Amino acid sequence: MPSVPCMMHFSLERNKAKEMDTSVSVDEFFEQVITVKMTPDKKALDIIDQTLLPGTVKRIQLTSREAIWEAIKRLQVRGAPAIGCTAAYGIALLASQYQTGDTEEFVKKLKEDKAYLASSRPTAVNLFWALNRMERTCEQAAAEGMSVPDMKELLTEEAQKIRDEDVAISRNIGEIGFSLLKELKKDGKPVNIETHCNAGTLATAKYGTATAPVYMALEHGWAGSDLHVYCDETRPLLQGARLTAFELQQAGVTTTVQCDNMASILQQNGKVDIIFVGCDRVARNGDAANKIGTSGLAIIAKHYGIPFYVCAPSSTIDIATPTGAEIPIEMRDPDEVTEMWYSERMAPEGVDVFNPAFDVTDHSLITGIITEKGLCKAPFEQAFRELGIE
């Protein structure tokens, strides 16, 4: 028998897990699930290990470039914005360890670490956006004659800015999404939302993208029972079941999990008023790459006439990529499909496995793309340009 996979570990650990206090306020809840931060002494990255959720709530410290790379690759930290924050903090941390006073050598080392971290995952554009921003900050400081110690401090400050900006971005996305929820609220009935994967606070610095409208509703005084969120399970990594359902339930929101292939009957029976999903990259024409299964959900929503919104920070919009056909799709380990969640292998040995991490939702299926700068509707290229996203 193969080695016991992760879900068994979760089950064994569940009784020992530190239970989160469900009576806490929304602000206290957010403090409990901060995705990534620097330790107080700024000598390590402190992340919540999302591979252990929901059974075990555990924070781990990362001090080497290999550990940071592995955390991104293994999805200990995941979600495009959170990956971007991790990459920025990671570069600042690694730069703080450089044992050189020579500016040219310092910049060279940073570029090497940037290239290494960039190889961890190919699809999420925020990873490259954050790394490029940190590189530009370093290059500009060097060009201005800044000393190495000051450059180290500047890079730490820049990483913190990226994190703070992400919080503000998610909040703005949430406010726009909340305005859509208010239009649907009537007769004292809850607004029914469906989402896919995890584009929640665990995928960002705070609030999330697809879940941000829900958290804004809570901050504006709605009760958790005013909302009913249906979380697609999201095979094969179960981010919807393990992560979105976990965080929404902890925040006091009425939450239901269903298998991905149950979306059609759910919508057919009138259980869904609106769909919010996140995204890892948006092409210039509005095609959006998100966790595998999103495209199928959009097709079903189009059939039943349910509004389908992609929640995307403007940094996720890749104007240099014309259409979704040019977005690289990460292929992942076959074991995620055949073994990961089972005590023994659940498919024949030697069978081929197709395991793309993402699919691309055609822009024609998208009702709107919510960015922190505003709500974009087709034609999306023109809408992006009008918001200054270039």
Protein backbone atom coordinates (compact mmCIF):
# COMPACT_ATOMS: atom_id res chain seq x y z
CA MET A 1 0.00 0.00 0.00
CA PRO A 2 1.30 3.50 -0.79
CA SER A 3 2.10 5.97 1.96
CA VAL A 4 -0.98 7.28 3.74
CA PRO A 5 -2.00 10.53 2.01
CA CYS A 6 -2.86 13.91 3.44
CA MET A 7 -6.55 13.41 4.24
CA MET A 8 -5.71 10.61 6.63
CA HIS A 9 -3.28 12.95 8.34
CA PHE A 10 -6.07 15.51 8.67
CA SER A 11 -8.36 12.89 10.17
CA LEU A 12 -5.75 11.74 12.67
CA GLU A 13 -4.98 15.29 13.67
CA ARG A 14 -8.57 16.49 13.90
CA ASN A 15 -9.05 15.55 17.55
CA LYS A 16 -5.83 17.33 18.46
CA ALA A 17 -6.56 20.43 16.40
CA LYS A 18 -6.78 23.76 18.13
CA GLU A 19 -10.39 24.74 17.66
CA MET A 20 -11.02 28.30 16.58
CA ASP A 21 -13.39 30.31 18.74
CA THR A 22 -16.60 30.75 16.74
CA SER A 23 -17.82 33.47 19.12
CA VAL A 24 -15.16 35.96 18.06
CA SER A 25 -15.92 39.11 16.11
CA VAL A 26 -15.21 39.33 12.38
CA ASP A 27 -12.07 41.39 13.09
CA GLU A 28 -10.82 38.81 15.59
CA PHE A 29 -11.54 36.06 13.06
CA PHE A 30 -9.37 37.82 10.49
CA GLU A 31 -6.53 38.02 13.01
CA GLN A 32 -6.71 34.27 13.49
CA VAL A 33 -6.35 33.50 9.79
CA ILE A 34 -3.73 36.00 8.60
CA THR A 35 -2.34 34.25 5.55
CA VAL A 36 1.22 35.56 5.59
CA LYS A 37 3.20 38.03 7.67
CA MET A 38 6.73 38.72 8.82
CA THR A 39 7.67 37.56 12.29
CA PRO A 40 8.18 40.47 14.73
CA ASP A 41 11.97 40.18 14.43
CA LYS A 42 11.64 40.11 10.61
CA LYS A 43 13.81 36.98 10.41
CA ALA A 44 11.16 34.63 9.00
CA LEU A 45 7.92 34.49 7.07
CA ASP A 46 5.00 33.31 9.20
CA ILE A 47 2.25 31.56 7.23
CA ILE A 48 -0.81 29.50 8.05
CA ASP A 49 -0.21 26.05 6.53
CA GLN A 50 -3.28 25.62 4.35
CA THR A 51 -2.48 22.01 3.49
CA LEU A 52 -3.49 21.09 7.06
CA LEU A 53 -6.85 22.89 7.10
CA PRO A 54 -9.52 22.36 8.26
CA GLY A 55 -8.34 19.69 10.69
CA THR A 56 -5.30 21.51 12.04
CA VAL A 57 -4.78 25.25 12.38
CA LYS A 58 -1.01 25.63 12.37
CA ARG A 59 1.41 28.44 11.57
CA ILE A 60 4.89 27.70 10.26
CA GLN A 61 7.98 29.84 9.80
CA LEU A 62 9.97 30.00 6.55
CA THR A 63 13.57 31.23 6.54
CA SER A 64 15.15 29.93 3.31
CA ARG A 65 14.40 30.43 -0.35
CA GLU A 66 13.85 26.68 -0.72
CA ALA A 67 11.22 26.72 2.03
CA ILE A 68 9.44 29.72 0.47
CA TRP A 69 9.50 28.08 -2.98
CA GLU A 70 8.18 24.83 -1.52
CA ALA A 71 5.41 26.61 0.41
CA ILE A 72 4.14 28.19 -2.82
CA LYS A 73 4.55 25.03 -4.91
CA ARG A 74 2.90 22.73 -2.34
CA LEU A 75 0.03 25.16 -1.76
CA GLN A 76 0.86 25.78 1.88
CA VAL A 77 0.18 29.31 0.76
CA ARG A 78 -2.09 29.69 -2.27
CA GLY A 79 -4.41 32.11 -3.98
CA ALA A 80 -2.98 34.63 -6.44
CA PRO A 81 -2.91 37.69 -4.12
CA ALA A 82 -1.52 35.72 -1.17
CA ILE A 83 1.16 34.24 -3.40
CA GLY A 84 2.09 37.77 -4.47
CA CYS A 85 2.36 38.93 -0.85
CA THR A 86 4.44 35.87 0.02
CA ALA A 87 6.78 36.47 -2.90
CA ALA A 88 7.27 40.12 -1.90
CA TYR A 89 7.92 39.27 1.74
CA GLY A 90 10.12 36.41 0.61
CA ILE A 91 12.37 38.65 -1.49
CA ALA A 92 12.62 41.14 1.38
CA LEU A 93 13.52 38.36 3.80
CA LEU A 94 16.14 36.79 1.51
CA ALA A 95 17.65 40.19 0.75
CA SER A 96 18.01 40.85 4.48
CA GLN A 97 20.25 37.76 4.66
CA TYR A 98 22.72 38.81 1.95
CA GLN A 99 26.24 39.08 3.37
CA THR A 100 27.52 41.79 1.08
CA GLY A 101 27.96 45.52 1.21
CA ASP A 102 28.40 45.82 -2.54
CA THR A 103 25.33 47.24 -4.27
CA GLU A 104 25.96 45.48 -7.59
CA GLU A 105 26.39 42.12 -5.88
CA PHE A 106 23.25 42.78 -3.82
CA VAL A 107 21.15 43.42 -6.93
CA LYS A 108 22.59 40.33 -8.64
CA LYS A 109 21.67 38.10 -5.69
CA LEU A 110 18.15 39.52 -5.58
CA LYS A 111 17.65 38.83 -9.28
CA GLU A 112 18.75 35.22 -8.75
CA ASP A 113 16.29 34.74 -5.90
CA LYS A 114 13.56 36.42 -7.92
CA ALA A 115 14.08 33.99 -10.80
CA TYR A 116 14.08 31.04 -8.42
CA LEU A 117 10.82 32.01 -6.68
CA ALA A 118 9.21 32.79 -10.05
CA SER A 119 9.68 29.13 -11.05
CA SER A 120 7.41 27.87 -8.27
CA ARG A 121 4.09 28.26 -10.15
CA PRO A 122 3.42 29.38 -13.74
CA THR A 123 -0.17 30.64 -13.89
CA ALA A 124 -0.81 33.19 -11.12
CA VAL A 125 0.30 36.53 -12.58
CA ASN A 126 0.44 38.14 -9.12
CA LEU A 127 3.55 36.09 -8.38
CA PHE A 128 5.46 37.72 -11.22
CA TRP A 129 3.87 41.12 -10.65
CA ALA A 130 5.06 41.22 -7.04
CA LEU A 131 8.53 39.89 -7.86
CA ASN A 132 8.95 42.41 -10.67
CA ARG A 133 7.86 45.24 -8.39
CA MET A 134 10.40 44.24 -5.75
CA GLU A 135 13.12 44.01 -8.42
CA ARG A 136 12.28 47.48 -9.75
CA THR A 137 12.36 48.91 -6.22
CA CYS A 138 15.81 47.41 -5.72
CA GLU A 139 17.15 48.59 -9.08
CA GLN A 140 15.87 52.12 -8.58
CA ALA A 141 17.38 52.34 -5.09
CA ALA A 142 20.71 51.09 -6.43
CA ALA A 143 20.62 53.62 -9.26
CA GLU A 144 20.06 56.39 -6.71
CA GLY A 145 23.13 55.29 -4.75
CA MET A 146 21.30 53.92 -1.72
CA SER A 147 23.40 51.87 0.70
CA VAL A 148 22.81 48.14 1.10
CA PRO A 149 21.43 48.43 4.68
CA ASP A 150 18.97 51.09 3.51
CA MET A 151 18.01 48.95 0.53
CA LYS A 152 17.22 46.05 2.83
CA GLU A 153 14.95 48.26 4.90
CA LEU A 154 13.33 49.71 1.78
CA LEU A 155 12.51 46.24 0.43
CA THR A 156 10.84 45.27 3.70
CA GLU A 157 8.77 48.45 3.56
CA GLU A 158 7.82 47.75 -0.06
CA ALA A 159 6.66 44.23 0.79
CA GLN A 160 4.50 45.63 3.57
CA LYS A 161 3.04 48.15 1.12
CA ILE A 162 2.10 45.32 -1.23
CA ARG A 163 0.36 43.55 1.61
CA ASP A 164 -1.48 46.71 2.76
CA GLU A 165 -2.50 47.51 -0.80
CA ASP A 166 -3.90 43.99 -1.17
CA VAL A 167 -6.13 44.51 1.87
CA ALA A 168 -7.44 47.77 0.39
CA ILE A 169 -7.95 46.13 -3.02
CA SER A 170 -9.97 43.27 -1.56
CA ARG A 171 -12.06 45.68 0.48
CA ASN A 172 -12.88 47.75 -2.61
CA ILE A 173 -13.81 44.61 -4.55
CA GLY A 174 -15.99 43.61 -1.62
CA GLU A 175 -17.83 46.93 -1.53
CA ILE A 176 -18.66 46.68 -5.25
CA GLY A 177 -19.81 43.09 -4.81
CA PHE A 178 -21.85 44.04 -1.73
CA SER A 179 -23.74 46.61 -3.81
CA LEU A 180 -24.82 43.71 -6.04
CA LEU A 181 -25.93 41.70 -3.00
CA LYS A 182 -28.04 44.61 -1.74
CA GLU A 183 -29.94 44.60 -5.01
CA LEU A 184 -30.82 40.94 -4.45
CA LYS A 185 -31.89 41.25 -0.79
CA LYS A 186 -35.67 41.13 -0.38
CA ASP A 187 -38.48 39.78 1.77
CA GLY A 188 -36.13 38.96 4.64
CA LYS A 189 -34.75 35.99 2.72
CA PRO A 190 -31.03 35.24 2.56
CA VAL A 191 -29.09 36.01 -0.61
CA ASN A 192 -27.85 32.74 -2.09
CA ILE A 193 -24.29 32.81 -3.42
CA GLU A 194 -22.28 30.08 -5.10
CA THR A 195 -18.50 30.14 -5.27
CA HIS A 196 -15.75 27.86 -6.52
CA CYS A 197 -12.37 27.03 -5.01
CA ASN A 198 -11.11 29.42 -2.33
CA ALA A 199 -10.89 33.08 -3.19
CA GLY A 200 -11.36 33.99 0.45
CA THR A 201 -9.30 35.66 3.11
CA LEU A 202 -7.04 32.60 3.04
CA ALA A 203 -6.19 33.43 -0.58
CA THR A 204 -5.34 37.09 0.06
CA ALA A 205 -3.99 39.36 2.76
CA LYS A 206 -7.54 39.92 4.06
CA TYR A 207 -11.17 39.64 2.93
CA GLY A 208 -10.49 37.65 -0.21
CA THR A 209 -11.86 38.50 -3.62
CA ALA A 210 -14.88 36.27 -4.27
CA THR A 211 -15.74 36.22 -0.55
CA ALA A 212 -15.07 39.91 0.00
CA PRO A 213 -18.71 40.87 -0.73
CA VAL A 214 -19.77 38.45 2.01
CA TYR A 215 -17.36 39.93 4.55
CA MET A 216 -18.40 43.46 3.59
CA ALA A 217 -22.01 42.45 4.20
CA LEU A 218 -21.04 41.36 7.72
CA GLU A 219 -19.14 44.59 8.33
CA HIS A 220 -22.19 46.55 7.16
CA GLY A 221 -24.34 44.84 9.77
CA TRP A 222 -25.82 41.88 7.93
CA ALA A 223 -26.14 38.71 9.97
CA GLY A 224 -24.52 35.49 8.85
CA SER A 225 -28.03 34.14 8.27
CA ASP A 226 -28.70 36.92 5.73
CA LEU A 227 -26.35 35.06 3.42
CA HIS A 228 -26.20 31.47 2.26
CA VAL A 229 -23.00 30.51 0.48
CA TYR A 230 -22.80 27.28 -1.50
CA CYS A 231 -19.18 26.18 -1.73
CA ASP A 232 -18.26 23.94 -4.64
CA GLU A 233 -16.09 21.17 -3.22
CA THR A 234 -13.47 21.87 -5.94
CA ARG A 235 -11.81 18.62 -6.92
CA PRO A 236 -9.11 17.47 -6.78
CA LEU A 237 -7.60 19.65 -4.02
CA LEU A 238 -10.92 20.42 -2.28
CA GLN A 239 -10.20 24.10 -1.65
CA GLY A 240 -13.91 24.86 -1.50
CA ALA A 241 -14.70 22.15 1.03
CA ARG A 242 -11.54 22.50 3.11
CA LEU A 243 -10.90 26.24 2.97
CA THR A 244 -13.87 28.35 1.87
CA ALA A 245 -16.38 26.38 3.92
CA PHE A 246 -13.96 26.48 6.87
CA GLU A 247 -13.45 30.23 6.88
CA LEU A 248 -17.08 31.15 6.16
CA GLN A 249 -18.38 28.84 8.84
CA GLN A 250 -15.89 30.27 11.31
CA ALA A 251 -17.12 33.76 10.37
CA GLY A 252 -20.71 32.75 11.17
CA VAL A 253 -22.04 32.65 7.59
CA THR A 254 -24.62 30.03 6.62
CA THR A 255 -22.56 27.65 4.49
CA THR A 256 -23.29 24.54 2.43
CA VAL A 257 -20.79 22.31 0.61
CA GLN A 258 -21.70 20.39 -2.51
CA CYS A 259 -19.71 18.34 -5.01
CA ASP A 260 -18.72 20.17 -8.18
CA ASN A 261 -21.01 18.01 -10.32
CA MET A 262 -24.03 19.09 -8.25
CA ALA A 263 -23.90 22.70 -9.45
CA SER A 264 -26.42 22.15 -12.24
CA ILE A 265 -29.20 20.72 -10.09
CA LEU A 266 -28.49 23.36 -7.43
CA GLN A 267 -29.01 26.15 -9.94
CA GLN A 268 -31.88 24.39 -11.70
CA ASN A 269 -33.76 24.30 -8.38
CA GLY A 270 -33.40 28.05 -7.91
CA LYS A 271 -30.93 27.81 -5.03
CA VAL A 272 -28.44 30.33 -6.44
CA ASP A 273 -28.98 34.08 -6.92
CA ILE A 274 -25.45 35.10 -7.89
CA ILE A 275 -22.00 33.55 -8.41
CA PHE A 276 -18.71 35.08 -7.33
CA VAL A 277 -15.40 33.43 -8.26
CA GLY A 278 -11.81 34.55 -8.03
CA CYS A 279 -9.19 34.30 -10.70
CA ASP A 280 -5.46 33.89 -11.21
CA ARG A 281 -5.10 35.69 -14.52
CA VAL A 282 -7.38 37.71 -16.81
CA ALA A 283 -6.47 38.14 -20.47
CA ARG A 284 -6.94 41.43 -22.31
CA ASN A 285 -10.23 40.26 -23.85
CA GLY A 286 -11.68 39.23 -20.47
CA ASP A 287 -11.02 35.49 -20.63
CA ALA A 288 -10.26 34.43 -17.05
CA ALA A 289 -8.13 31.57 -15.76
CA ASN A 290 -9.28 30.20 -12.43
CA LYS A 291 -9.24 26.92 -10.55
CA ILE A 292 -10.24 23.93 -12.64
CA GLY A 293 -14.01 23.61 -12.85
CA THR A 294 -14.74 27.33 -13.03
CA SER A 295 -15.41 27.24 -16.77
CA GLY A 296 -17.96 24.45 -16.36
CA LEU A 297 -19.68 26.41 -13.59
CA ALA A 298 -19.90 29.46 -15.86
CA ILE A 299 -21.43 27.41 -18.67
CA ILE A 300 -24.10 26.06 -16.32
CA ALA A 301 -24.79 29.55 -14.93
CA LYS A 302 -25.22 30.92 -18.47
CA HIS A 303 -27.77 28.19 -19.20
CA TYR A 304 -29.84 29.04 -16.11
CA GLY A 305 -29.45 32.81 -16.42
CA ILE A 306 -27.55 33.31 -13.18
CA PRO A 307 -25.16 36.29 -13.02
CA PHE A 308 -21.54 35.17 -12.96
CA TYR A 309 -18.94 37.61 -11.63
CA VAL A 310 -15.16 37.25 -11.61
CA CYS A 311 -13.48 39.12 -8.74
CA ALA A 312 -10.00 40.15 -9.81
CA PRO A 313 -7.47 42.69 -8.53
CA SER A 314 -6.26 44.86 -11.39
CA SER A 315 -2.79 43.30 -10.93
CA THR A 316 -4.36 40.02 -12.08
CA ILE A 317 -5.35 41.54 -15.43
CA ASP A 318 -2.61 40.72 -17.92
CA ILE A 319 -2.99 43.19 -20.77
CA ALA A 320 0.04 41.64 -22.49
CA THR A 321 -1.90 38.38 -22.93
CA PRO A 322 -4.49 38.83 -25.72
CA THR A 323 -6.79 35.89 -24.94
CA GLY A 324 -7.11 32.96 -22.60
CA ALA A 325 -5.53 30.69 -25.20
CA GLU A 326 -2.15 32.23 -24.36
CA ILE A 327 -2.41 31.68 -20.58
CA PRO A 328 -0.10 28.83 -19.46
CA ILE A 329 -1.97 26.13 -17.56
CA GLU A 330 -0.13 24.38 -14.75
CA MET A 331 -0.28 20.58 -14.81
CA ARG A 332 -0.04 18.98 -11.39
CA ASP A 333 0.89 15.65 -9.81
CA PRO A 334 -1.37 12.72 -10.84
CA ASP A 335 -1.40 11.55 -7.21
CA GLU A 336 -3.66 14.49 -6.34
CA VAL A 337 -6.40 12.70 -8.28
CA THR A 338 -5.64 9.06 -7.58
CA GLU A 339 -4.31 8.96 -4.02
CA MET A 340 -4.29 12.19 -2.07
CA TRP A 341 -7.62 11.91 -0.25
CA TYR A 342 -7.81 8.13 0.07
CA SER A 343 -6.39 5.56 2.47
CA GLU A 344 -5.53 3.44 -0.57
CA ARG A 345 -5.21 4.17 -4.27
CA MET A 346 -8.58 4.92 -5.91
CA ALA A 347 -7.62 4.34 -9.58
CA PRO A 348 -5.82 1.52 -11.39
CA GLU A 349 -2.03 1.56 -11.25
CA GLY A 350 -0.53 2.88 -14.44
CA VAL A 351 -3.66 4.69 -15.66
CA ASP A 352 -3.05 8.08 -17.27
CA VAL A 353 -4.23 11.08 -15.27
CA PHE A 354 -5.21 14.50 -16.64
CA ASN A 355 -4.78 17.03 -13.84
CA PRO A 356 -4.71 20.68 -14.96
CA ALA A 357 -4.80 23.15 -12.08
CA PHE A 358 -6.82 25.74 -13.99
CA ASP A 359 -9.21 26.23 -16.85
CA VAL A 360 -10.12 29.36 -18.79
CA THR A 361 -13.62 30.82 -18.67
CA ASP A 362 -14.53 32.49 -21.95
CA HIS A 363 -15.34 36.18 -21.60
CA SER A 364 -18.76 35.61 -23.21
CA LEU A 365 -19.82 33.66 -20.09
CA ILE A 366 -18.83 36.40 -17.64
CA THR A 367 -21.44 38.93 -16.49
CA GLY A 368 -18.83 41.26 -15.08
CA ILE A 369 -15.29 41.46 -13.74
CA ILE A 370 -15.08 43.25 -10.40
CA THR A 371 -11.78 45.04 -9.84
CA GLU A 372 -10.84 47.40 -7.05
CA LYS A 373 -11.12 50.22 -9.59
CA GLY A 374 -14.65 49.41 -10.68
CA LEU A 375 -17.00 46.91 -12.27
CA CYS A 376 -16.04 45.98 -15.83
CA LYS A 377 -18.51 44.70 -18.39
CA ALA A 378 -18.04 43.63 -22.00
CA PRO A 379 -16.30 44.66 -24.13
CA PHE A 380 -13.72 44.05 -21.44
CA GLU A 381 -10.67 45.43 -23.22
CA GLN A 382 -12.40 48.78 -23.52
CA ALA A 383 -13.62 48.60 -19.90
CA PHE A 384 -10.09 47.92 -18.66
CA ARG A 385 -8.76 50.85 -20.66
CA GLU A 386 -11.42 53.20 -19.26
CA LEU A 387 -10.36 52.25 -15.73
CA GLY A 388 -6.72 52.89 -16.55
CA ILE A 389 -5.75 49.21 -16.46
CA GLU A 390 -3.06 49.01 -19.11
